Full PDB file with SEQRES, HELIX, SHEET, SSBOND, CRYST1, ORIGX, SCALE, CONECT and MASTER records, all heavy atoms in Angstrom:
SEQRES   1 A   39  LYS MET ASP GLY MET GLU VAL LEU THR GLU ALA LEU ALA          
SEQRES   2 A   39  ILE LYS PRO ASP LEU PRO PHE ILE MET ILE SER GLY HIS          
SEQRES   3 A   39  GLY THR VAL GLU THR ALA VAL GLU ALA SER LYS LYS GLY          
HELIX    1 AA1 GLY A    4  ILE A   14  1                                  11    
HELIX    2 AA2 VAL A   29  LYS A   37  1                                   9    
CRYST1    1.000    1.000    1.000  90.00  90.00  90.00 P 1           1          
ORIGX1      1.000000  0.000000  0.000000        0.00000                         
ORIGX2      0.000000  1.000000  0.000000        0.00000                         
ORIGX3      0.000000  0.000000  1.000000        0.00000                         
SCALE1      1.000000  0.000000  0.000000        0.00000                         
SCALE2      0.000000  1.000000  0.000000        0.00000                         
SCALE3      0.000000  0.000000  1.000000        0.00000                         
ATOM      1  N   LYS A   1       0.795  -1.207   0.009  1.00  0.00           N  
ATOM      2  CA  LYS A   1      -0.011  -0.004  -0.011  1.00  0.00           C  
ATOM      3  C   LYS A   1       0.841   1.259   0.000  1.00  0.00           C  
ATOM      4  O   LYS A   1       0.642   2.140  -0.841  1.00  0.00           O  
ATOM      5  CB  LYS A   1      -0.998   0.022   1.155  1.00  0.00           C  
ATOM      6  CG  LYS A   1      -2.082  -1.013   1.071  1.00  0.00           C  
ATOM      7  CD  LYS A   1      -3.132  -0.741   2.142  1.00  0.00           C  
ATOM      8  CE  LYS A   1      -4.262  -1.773   2.041  1.00  0.00           C  
ATOM      9  NZ  LYS A   1      -5.320  -1.538   3.071  1.00  0.00           N  
ATOM     10  N   MET A   2       1.736   1.388   0.971  1.00  0.00           N  
ATOM     11  CA  MET A   2       2.555   2.599   1.054  1.00  0.00           C  
ATOM     12  C   MET A   2       3.942   2.261   1.637  1.00  0.00           C  
ATOM     13  O   MET A   2       4.061   1.582   2.636  1.00  0.00           O  
ATOM     14  CB  MET A   2       1.917   3.657   1.952  1.00  0.00           C  
ATOM     15  CG  MET A   2       2.652   4.925   2.029  1.00  0.00           C  
ATOM     16  SD  MET A   2       1.860   6.206   3.019  1.00  0.00           S  
ATOM     17  CE  MET A   2       0.598   6.791   1.870  1.00  0.00           C  
ATOM     18  N   ASP A   3       4.999   2.707   0.914  1.00  0.00           N  
ATOM     19  CA  ASP A   3       6.332   2.456   1.342  1.00  0.00           C  
ATOM     20  C   ASP A   3       6.637   3.252   2.618  1.00  0.00           C  
ATOM     21  O   ASP A   3       6.089   4.303   2.858  1.00  0.00           O  
ATOM     22  CB  ASP A   3       7.281   2.911   0.248  1.00  0.00           C  
ATOM     23  CG  ASP A   3       8.736   2.690   0.584  1.00  0.00           C  
ATOM     24  OD1 ASP A   3       9.218   1.549   0.414  1.00  0.00           O  
ATOM     25  OD2 ASP A   3       9.390   3.611   1.084  1.00  0.00           O  
ATOM     26  N   GLY A   4       7.541   2.675   3.490  1.00  0.00           N  
ATOM     27  CA  GLY A   4       7.833   3.326   4.753  1.00  0.00           C  
ATOM     28  C   GLY A   4       8.446   4.727   4.612  1.00  0.00           C  
ATOM     29  O   GLY A   4       8.162   5.628   5.420  1.00  0.00           O  
ATOM     30  N   MET A   5       9.226   4.905   3.573  1.00  0.00           N  
ATOM     31  CA  MET A   5       9.774   6.275   3.275  1.00  0.00           C  
ATOM     32  C   MET A   5       8.662   7.278   2.972  1.00  0.00           C  
ATOM     33  O   MET A   5       8.772   8.449   3.365  1.00  0.00           O  
ATOM     34  CB  MET A   5      10.804   6.170   2.156  1.00  0.00           C  
ATOM     35  CG  MET A   5      12.070   5.388   2.477  1.00  0.00           C  
ATOM     36  SD  MET A   5      13.030   6.111   3.842  1.00  0.00           S  
ATOM     37  CE  MET A   5      14.477   5.051   3.735  1.00  0.00           C  
ATOM     38  N   GLU A   6       7.673   6.855   2.278  1.00  0.00           N  
ATOM     39  CA  GLU A   6       6.560   7.696   1.979  1.00  0.00           C  
ATOM     40  C   GLU A   6       5.768   8.081   3.253  1.00  0.00           C  
ATOM     41  O   GLU A   6       5.371   9.200   3.452  1.00  0.00           O  
ATOM     42  CB  GLU A   6       5.570   7.034   0.987  1.00  0.00           C  
ATOM     43  CG  GLU A   6       6.122   6.803  -0.416  1.00  0.00           C  
ATOM     44  CD  GLU A   6       5.096   6.100  -1.275  1.00  0.00           C  
ATOM     45  OE1 GLU A   6       4.193   6.801  -1.804  1.00  0.00           O  
ATOM     46  OE2 GLU A   6       5.190   4.856  -1.422  1.00  0.00           O  
ATOM     47  N   VAL A   7       5.632   7.078   4.115  1.00  0.00           N  
ATOM     48  CA  VAL A   7       4.960   7.334   5.422  1.00  0.00           C  
ATOM     49  C   VAL A   7       5.750   8.350   6.210  1.00  0.00           C  
ATOM     50  O   VAL A   7       5.191   9.283   6.751  1.00  0.00           O  
ATOM     51  CB  VAL A   7       4.870   6.019   6.240  1.00  0.00           C  
ATOM     52  CG1 VAL A   7       4.267   6.298   7.596  1.00  0.00           C  
ATOM     53  CG2 VAL A   7       3.989   4.998   5.480  1.00  0.00           C  
ATOM     54  N   LEU A   8       7.077   8.168   6.231  1.00  0.00           N  
ATOM     55  CA  LEU A   8       7.923   9.088   6.970  1.00  0.00           C  
ATOM     56  C   LEU A   8       7.774  10.564   6.417  1.00  0.00           C  
ATOM     57  O   LEU A   8       7.579  11.506   7.208  1.00  0.00           O  
ATOM     58  CB  LEU A   8       9.378   8.646   6.765  1.00  0.00           C  
ATOM     59  CG  LEU A   8      10.481   9.631   7.322  1.00  0.00           C  
ATOM     60  CD1 LEU A   8      10.331   9.727   8.841  1.00  0.00           C  
ATOM     61  CD2 LEU A   8      11.872   9.098   6.928  1.00  0.00           C  
ATOM     62  N   THR A   9       7.791  10.698   5.112  1.00  0.00           N  
ATOM     63  CA  THR A   9       7.695  12.063   4.489  1.00  0.00           C  
ATOM     64  C   THR A   9       6.350  12.668   4.825  1.00  0.00           C  
ATOM     65  O   THR A   9       6.298  13.869   5.227  1.00  0.00           O  
ATOM     66  CB  THR A   9       7.898  11.923   2.964  1.00  0.00           C  
ATOM     67  OG1 THR A   9       9.194  11.360   2.702  1.00  0.00           O  
ATOM     68  CG2 THR A   9       7.806  13.300   2.339  1.00  0.00           C  
ATOM     69  N   GLU A  10       5.253  11.919   4.632  1.00  0.00           N  
ATOM     70  CA  GLU A  10       3.922  12.488   4.851  1.00  0.00           C  
ATOM     71  C   GLU A  10       3.671  12.755   6.323  1.00  0.00           C  
ATOM     72  O   GLU A  10       3.018  13.760   6.717  1.00  0.00           O  
ATOM     73  CB  GLU A  10       2.881  11.578   4.285  1.00  0.00           C  
ATOM     74  CG  GLU A  10       2.908  11.509   2.752  1.00  0.00           C  
ATOM     75  CD  GLU A  10       1.604  10.939   2.163  1.00  0.00           C  
ATOM     76  OE1 GLU A  10       0.565  11.028   2.891  1.00  0.00           O  
ATOM     77  OE2 GLU A  10       1.667  10.372   1.078  1.00  0.00           O  
ATOM     78  N   ALA A  11       4.163  11.896   7.211  1.00  0.00           N  
ATOM     79  CA  ALA A  11       3.944  12.064   8.666  1.00  0.00           C  
ATOM     80  C   ALA A  11       4.675  13.295   9.137  1.00  0.00           C  
ATOM     81  O   ALA A  11       4.125  14.076   9.970  1.00  0.00           O  
ATOM     82  CB  ALA A  11       4.421  10.817   9.416  1.00  0.00           C  
ATOM     83  N   LEU A  12       5.911  13.506   8.670  1.00  0.00           N  
ATOM     84  CA  LEU A  12       6.668  14.687   9.176  1.00  0.00           C  
ATOM     85  C   LEU A  12       6.133  15.996   8.589  1.00  0.00           C  
ATOM     86  O   LEU A  12       6.332  17.068   9.165  1.00  0.00           O  
ATOM     87  CB  LEU A  12       8.136  14.553   8.817  1.00  0.00           C  
ATOM     88  CG  LEU A  12       8.854  13.387   9.566  1.00  0.00           C  
ATOM     89  CD1 LEU A  12      10.379  13.403   9.216  1.00  0.00           C  
ATOM     90  CD2 LEU A  12       8.682  13.521  11.079  1.00  0.00           C  
ATOM     91  N   ALA A  13       5.421  15.869   7.486  1.00  0.00           N  
ATOM     92  CA  ALA A  13       4.695  17.057   6.991  1.00  0.00           C  
ATOM     93  C   ALA A  13       3.525  17.443   7.882  1.00  0.00           C  
ATOM     94  O   ALA A  13       3.193  18.626   8.057  1.00  0.00           O  
ATOM     95  CB  ALA A  13       4.153  16.824   5.537  1.00  0.00           C  
ATOM     96  N   ILE A  14       2.925  16.445   8.500  1.00  0.00           N  
ATOM     97  CA  ILE A  14       1.823  16.686   9.493  1.00  0.00           C  
ATOM     98  C   ILE A  14       2.351  17.097  10.843  1.00  0.00           C  
ATOM     99  O   ILE A  14       1.915  18.098  11.438  1.00  0.00           O  
ATOM    100  CB  ILE A  14       0.971  15.421   9.602  1.00  0.00           C  
ATOM    101  CG1 ILE A  14       0.408  15.009   8.230  1.00  0.00           C  
ATOM    102  CG2 ILE A  14      -0.161  15.648  10.594  1.00  0.00           C  
ATOM    103  CD1 ILE A  14      -0.221  13.614   8.255  1.00  0.00           C  
ATOM    104  N   LYS A  15       3.327  16.309  11.366  1.00  0.00           N  
ATOM    105  CA  LYS A  15       3.881  16.599  12.678  1.00  0.00           C  
ATOM    106  C   LYS A  15       5.425  16.570  12.560  1.00  0.00           C  
ATOM    107  O   LYS A  15       6.045  15.503  12.737  1.00  0.00           O  
ATOM    108  CB  LYS A  15       3.464  15.531  13.691  1.00  0.00           C  
ATOM    109  CG  LYS A  15       1.941  15.569  13.931  1.00  0.00           C  
ATOM    110  CD  LYS A  15       1.510  14.512  15.006  1.00  0.00           C  
ATOM    111  CE  LYS A  15       0.018  14.586  15.266  1.00  0.00           C  
ATOM    112  NZ  LYS A  15      -0.399  13.645  16.269  1.00  0.00           N  
ATOM    113  N   PRO A  16       6.030  17.723  12.282  1.00  0.00           N  
ATOM    114  CA  PRO A  16       7.458  17.798  11.974  1.00  0.00           C  
ATOM    115  C   PRO A  16       8.382  17.301  13.054  1.00  0.00           C  
ATOM    116  O   PRO A  16       9.521  16.853  12.798  1.00  0.00           O  
ATOM    117  CB  PRO A  16       7.713  19.295  11.712  1.00  0.00           C  
ATOM    118  CG  PRO A  16       6.355  19.829  11.387  1.00  0.00           C  
ATOM    119  CD  PRO A  16       5.400  19.037  12.181  1.00  0.00           C  
ATOM    120  N   ASP A  17       7.932  17.351  14.343  1.00  0.00           N  
ATOM    121  CA  ASP A  17       8.790  16.960  15.430  1.00  0.00           C  
ATOM    122  C   ASP A  17       8.604  15.517  15.893  1.00  0.00           C  
ATOM    123  O   ASP A  17       9.181  15.098  16.915  1.00  0.00           O  
ATOM    124  CB  ASP A  17       8.607  17.893  16.609  1.00  0.00           C  
ATOM    125  CG  ASP A  17       8.916  19.354  16.287  1.00  0.00           C  
ATOM    126  OD1 ASP A  17       9.837  19.584  15.459  1.00  0.00           O  
ATOM    127  OD2 ASP A  17       8.239  20.250  16.818  1.00  0.00           O  
ATOM    128  N   LEU A  18       7.813  14.771  15.184  1.00  0.00           N  
ATOM    129  CA  LEU A  18       7.532  13.399  15.602  1.00  0.00           C  
ATOM    130  C   LEU A  18       8.728  12.471  15.289  1.00  0.00           C  
ATOM    131  O   LEU A  18       9.132  12.329  14.153  1.00  0.00           O  
ATOM    132  CB  LEU A  18       6.268  12.854  14.849  1.00  0.00           C  
ATOM    133  CG  LEU A  18       5.805  11.419  15.225  1.00  0.00           C  
ATOM    134  CD1 LEU A  18       5.449  11.344  16.691  1.00  0.00           C  
ATOM    135  CD2 LEU A  18       4.616  11.061  14.357  1.00  0.00           C  
ATOM    136  N   PRO A  19       9.316  11.843  16.359  1.00  0.00           N  
ATOM    137  CA  PRO A  19      10.493  10.976  16.128  1.00  0.00           C  
ATOM    138  C   PRO A  19      10.078   9.687  15.404  1.00  0.00           C  
ATOM    139  O   PRO A  19       9.119   9.050  15.758  1.00  0.00           O  
ATOM    140  CB  PRO A  19      10.963  10.693  17.520  1.00  0.00           C  
ATOM    141  CG  PRO A  19      10.304  11.620  18.412  1.00  0.00           C  
ATOM    142  CD  PRO A  19       8.987  11.934  17.775  1.00  0.00           C  
ATOM    143  N   PHE A  20      10.860   9.303  14.410  1.00  0.00           N  
ATOM    144  CA  PHE A  20      10.682   8.112  13.615  1.00  0.00           C  
ATOM    145  C   PHE A  20      11.921   7.187  13.742  1.00  0.00           C  
ATOM    146  O   PHE A  20      12.988   7.694  13.575  1.00  0.00           O  
ATOM    147  CB  PHE A  20      10.468   8.420  12.147  1.00  0.00           C  
ATOM    148  CG  PHE A  20       9.028   8.408  11.664  1.00  0.00           C  
ATOM    149  CD1 PHE A  20       8.153   9.403  12.029  1.00  0.00           C  
ATOM    150  CD2 PHE A  20       8.567   7.328  10.943  1.00  0.00           C  
ATOM    151  CE1 PHE A  20       6.825   9.358  11.601  1.00  0.00           C  
ATOM    152  CE2 PHE A  20       7.257   7.263  10.498  1.00  0.00           C  
ATOM    153  CZ  PHE A  20       6.380   8.295  10.809  1.00  0.00           C  
ATOM    154  N   ILE A  21      11.624   5.939  14.026  1.00  0.00           N  
ATOM    155  CA  ILE A  21      12.746   4.941  13.966  1.00  0.00           C  
ATOM    156  C   ILE A  21      12.370   3.969  12.851  1.00  0.00           C  
ATOM    157  O   ILE A  21      11.289   3.306  12.923  1.00  0.00           O  
ATOM    158  CB  ILE A  21      12.939   4.181  15.257  1.00  0.00           C  
ATOM    159  CG1 ILE A  21      13.329   5.127  16.383  1.00  0.00           C  
ATOM    160  CG2 ILE A  21      13.963   3.061  15.158  1.00  0.00           C  
ATOM    161  CD1 ILE A  21      13.358   4.513  17.811  1.00  0.00           C  
ATOM    162  N   MET A  22      13.171   3.872  11.823  1.00  0.00           N  
ATOM    163  CA  MET A  22      12.848   2.986  10.663  1.00  0.00           C  
ATOM    164  C   MET A  22      13.457   1.588  10.960  1.00  0.00           C  
ATOM    165  O   MET A  22      14.576   1.487  11.462  1.00  0.00           O  
ATOM    166  CB  MET A  22      13.459   3.580   9.359  1.00  0.00           C  
ATOM    167  CG  MET A  22      13.046   5.018   9.096  1.00  0.00           C  
ATOM    168  SD  MET A  22      11.286   5.322   9.090  1.00  0.00           S  
ATOM    169  CE  MET A  22      10.819   4.416   7.630  1.00  0.00           C  
ATOM    170  N   ILE A  23      12.688   0.569  10.569  1.00  0.00           N  
ATOM    171  CA  ILE A  23      13.155  -0.807  10.751  1.00  0.00           C  
ATOM    172  C   ILE A  23      13.031  -1.583   9.445  1.00  0.00           C  
ATOM    173  O   ILE A  23      12.027  -1.342   8.719  1.00  0.00           O  
ATOM    174  CB  ILE A  23      12.398  -1.536  11.873  1.00  0.00           C  
ATOM    175  CG1 ILE A  23      10.908  -1.375  11.702  1.00  0.00           C  
ATOM    176  CG2 ILE A  23      12.836  -0.993  13.259  1.00  0.00           C  
ATOM    177  CD1 ILE A  23      10.060  -2.109  12.745  1.00  0.00           C  
ATOM    178  N   SER A  24      13.985  -2.470   9.161  1.00  0.00           N  
ATOM    179  CA  SER A  24      13.914  -3.193   7.906  1.00  0.00           C  
ATOM    180  C   SER A  24      14.757  -4.458   7.973  1.00  0.00           C  
ATOM    181  O   SER A  24      15.780  -4.468   8.608  1.00  0.00           O  
ATOM    182  CB  SER A  24      14.406  -2.308   6.723  1.00  0.00           C  
ATOM    183  OG  SER A  24      14.390  -3.054   5.517  1.00  0.00           O  
ATOM    184  N   GLY A  25      14.263  -5.465   7.256  1.00  0.00           N  
ATOM    185  CA  GLY A  25      15.045  -6.762   7.180  1.00  0.00           C  
ATOM    186  C   GLY A  25      15.996  -6.724   6.042  1.00  0.00           C  
ATOM    187  O   GLY A  25      16.763  -7.653   5.847  1.00  0.00           O  
ATOM    188  N   HIS A  26      15.988  -5.647   5.250  1.00  0.00           N  
ATOM    189  CA  HIS A  26      16.888  -5.547   4.062  1.00  0.00           C  
ATOM    190  C   HIS A  26      17.648  -4.264   4.176  1.00  0.00           C  
ATOM    191  O   HIS A  26      17.790  -3.502   3.192  1.00  0.00           O  
ATOM    192  CB  HIS A  26      16.019  -5.539   2.784  1.00  0.00           C  
ATOM    193  CG  HIS A  26      15.040  -6.670   2.720  1.00  0.00           C  
ATOM    194  ND1 HIS A  26      15.442  -7.990   2.377  1.00  0.00           N  
ATOM    195  CD2 HIS A  26      13.711  -6.679   2.929  1.00  0.00           C  
ATOM    196  CE1 HIS A  26      14.341  -8.762   2.419  1.00  0.00           C  
ATOM    197  NE2 HIS A  26      13.304  -8.000   2.759  1.00  0.00           N  
ATOM    198  N   GLY A  27      18.164  -3.975   5.375  1.00  0.00           N  
ATOM    199  CA  GLY A  27      18.860  -2.740   5.611  1.00  0.00           C  
ATOM    200  C   GLY A  27      20.221  -2.630   4.939  1.00  0.00           C  
ATOM    201  O   GLY A  27      20.993  -3.626   4.925  1.00  0.00           O  
ATOM    202  N   THR A  28      20.484  -1.466   4.393  1.00  0.00           N  
ATOM    203  CA  THR A  28      21.785  -1.195   3.813  1.00  0.00           C  
ATOM    204  C   THR A  28      22.217   0.212   4.330  1.00  0.00           C  
ATOM    205  O   THR A  28      21.364   1.001   4.828  1.00  0.00           O  
ATOM    206  CB  THR A  28      21.742  -1.129   2.260  1.00  0.00           C  
ATOM    207  OG1 THR A  28      20.858  -0.082   1.831  1.00  0.00           O  
ATOM    208  CG2 THR A  28      21.253  -2.490   1.739  1.00  0.00           C  
ATOM    209  N   VAL A  29      23.493   0.546   4.121  1.00  0.00           N  
ATOM    210  CA  VAL A  29      23.938   1.850   4.520  1.00  0.00           C  
ATOM    211  C   VAL A  29      23.212   2.942   3.732  1.00  0.00           C  
ATOM    212  O   VAL A  29      22.827   3.996   4.287  1.00  0.00           O  
ATOM    213  CB  VAL A  29      25.481   1.964   4.269  1.00  0.00           C  
ATOM    214  CG1 VAL A  29      25.941   3.400   4.492  1.00  0.00           C  
ATOM    215  CG2 VAL A  29      26.225   0.993   5.166  1.00  0.00           C  
ATOM    216  N   GLU A  30      22.967   2.681   2.429  1.00  0.00           N  
ATOM    217  CA  GLU A  30      22.302   3.658   1.587  1.00  0.00           C  
ATOM    218  C   GLU A  30      20.866   3.925   2.110  1.00  0.00           C  
ATOM    219  O   GLU A  30      20.424   5.070   2.143  1.00  0.00           O  
ATOM    220  CB  GLU A  30      22.221   3.169   0.152  1.00  0.00           C  
ATOM    221  CG  GLU A  30      23.534   3.149  -0.604  1.00  0.00           C  
ATOM    222  CD  GLU A  30      24.460   1.975  -0.179  1.00  0.00           C  
ATOM    223  OE1 GLU A  30      23.920   1.042   0.485  1.00  0.00           O  
ATOM    224  OE2 GLU A  30      25.619   2.010  -0.508  1.00  0.00           O  
ATOM    225  N   THR A  31      20.202   2.885   2.550  1.00  0.00           N  
ATOM    226  CA  THR A  31      18.848   3.038   3.052  1.00  0.00           C  
ATOM    227  C   THR A  31      18.826   3.804   4.359  1.00  0.00           C  
ATOM    228  O   THR A  31      17.963   4.709   4.543  1.00  0.00           O  
ATOM    229  CB  THR A  31      18.166   1.634   3.326  1.00  0.00           C  
ATOM    230  OG1 THR A  31      18.283   0.818   2.159  1.00  0.00           O  
ATOM    231  CG2 THR A  31      16.738   1.776   3.695  1.00  0.00           C  
ATOM    232  N   ALA A  32      19.776   3.566   5.207  1.00  0.00           N  
ATOM    233  CA  ALA A  32      19.873   4.283   6.489  1.00  0.00           C  
ATOM    234  C   ALA A  32      20.165   5.782   6.235  1.00  0.00           C  
ATOM    235  O   ALA A  32      19.557   6.652   6.918  1.00  0.00           O  
ATOM    236  CB  ALA A  32      20.992   3.664   7.341  1.00  0.00           C  
ATOM    237  N   VAL A  33      21.029   6.055   5.324  1.00  0.00           N  
ATOM    238  CA  VAL A  33      21.388   7.456   4.985  1.00  0.00           C  
ATOM    239  C   VAL A  33      20.152   8.150   4.436  1.00  0.00           C  
ATOM    240  O   VAL A  33      19.842   9.318   4.801  1.00  0.00           O  
ATOM    241  CB  VAL A  33      22.536   7.543   4.003  1.00  0.00           C  
ATOM    242  CG1 VAL A  33      22.755   8.941   3.493  1.00  0.00           C  
ATOM    243  CG2 VAL A  33      23.823   7.017   4.674  1.00  0.00           C  
ATOM    244  N   GLU A  34      19.438   7.500   3.537  1.00  0.00           N  
ATOM    245  CA  GLU A  34      18.230   8.065   2.925  1.00  0.00           C  
ATOM    246  C   GLU A  34      17.177   8.389   4.018  1.00  0.00           C  
ATOM    247  O   GLU A  34      16.560   9.460   4.015  1.00  0.00           O  
ATOM    248  CB  GLU A  34      17.659   7.139   1.884  1.00  0.00           C  
ATOM    249  CG  GLU A  34      16.454   7.784   1.180  1.00  0.00           C  
ATOM    250  CD  GLU A  34      15.795   6.812   0.204  1.00  0.00           C  
ATOM    251  OE1 GLU A  34      16.283   5.691   0.057  1.00  0.00           O  
ATOM    252  OE2 GLU A  34      14.704   7.215  -0.349  1.00  0.00           O  
ATOM    253  N   ALA A  35      17.031   7.443   4.983  1.00  0.00           N  
ATOM    254  CA  ALA A  35      16.064   7.645   6.024  1.00  0.00           C  
ATOM    255  C   ALA A  35      16.433   8.822   6.892  1.00  0.00           C  
ATOM    256  O   ALA A  35      15.566   9.653   7.258  1.00  0.00           O  
ATOM    257  CB  ALA A  35      15.928   6.389   6.886  1.00  0.00           C  
ATOM    258  N   SER A  36      17.703   8.960   7.172  1.00  0.00           N  
ATOM    259  CA  SER A  36      18.181  10.055   8.002  1.00  0.00           C  
ATOM    260  C   SER A  36      17.971  11.404   7.319  1.00  0.00           C  
ATOM    261  O   SER A  36      17.565  12.386   7.929  1.00  0.00           O  
ATOM    262  CB  SER A  36      19.648   9.910   8.352  1.00  0.00           C  
ATOM    263  OG  SER A  36      19.878   8.770   9.127  1.00  0.00           O  
ATOM    264  N   LYS A  37      18.228  11.401   6.016  1.00  0.00           N  
ATOM    265  CA  LYS A  37      18.047  12.656   5.206  1.00  0.00           C  
ATOM    266  C   LYS A  37      16.555  13.068   5.212  1.00  0.00           C  
ATOM    267  O   LYS A  37      16.234  14.252   5.177  1.00  0.00           O  
ATOM    268  CB  LYS A  37      18.514  12.467   3.779  1.00  0.00           C  
ATOM    269  CG  LYS A  37      20.051  12.479   3.687  1.00  0.00           C  
ATOM    270  CD  LYS A  37      20.440  12.348   2.191  1.00  0.00           C  
ATOM    271  CE  LYS A  37      21.976  12.419   2.056  1.00  0.00           C  
ATOM    272  NZ  LYS A  37      22.399  12.279   0.596  1.00  0.00           N  
ATOM    273  N   LYS A  38      15.672  12.094   5.222  1.00  0.00           N  
ATOM    274  CA  LYS A  38      14.233  12.401   5.219  1.00  0.00           C  
ATOM    275  C   LYS A  38      13.680  12.755   6.604  1.00  0.00           C  
ATOM    276  O   LYS A  38      12.546  13.160   6.751  1.00  0.00           O  
ATOM    277  CB  LYS A  38      13.456  11.222   4.679  1.00  0.00           C  
ATOM    278  CG  LYS A  38      13.630  11.044   3.127  1.00  0.00           C  
ATOM    279  CD  LYS A  38      12.804   9.854   2.668  1.00  0.00           C  
ATOM    280  CE  LYS A  38      12.917   9.668   1.141  1.00  0.00           C  
ATOM    281  NZ  LYS A  38      12.219  10.778   0.418  1.00  0.00           N  
ATOM    282  N   GLY A  39      14.537  12.677   7.625  1.00  0.00           N  
ATOM    283  CA  GLY A  39      14.104  13.089   8.956  1.00  0.00           C  
ATOM    284  C   GLY A  39      13.995  12.017  10.027  1.00  0.00           C  
ATOM    285  O   GLY A  39      13.550  12.307  11.108  1.00  0.00           O  
TER     286      GLY A  39                                                      
MASTER        0    0    0    2    0    0    0    6  285    1    0    3          
END                                                                             
């Protein structure tokens, strides 16, 4: 339905100070960096 990165982007647009911890079974350094850049 919706990718976690999309959820992160839309959620922070609603509540900019809401802390997000991303979890994944296919984690890579690139994914972690991208998540950090998105907030």
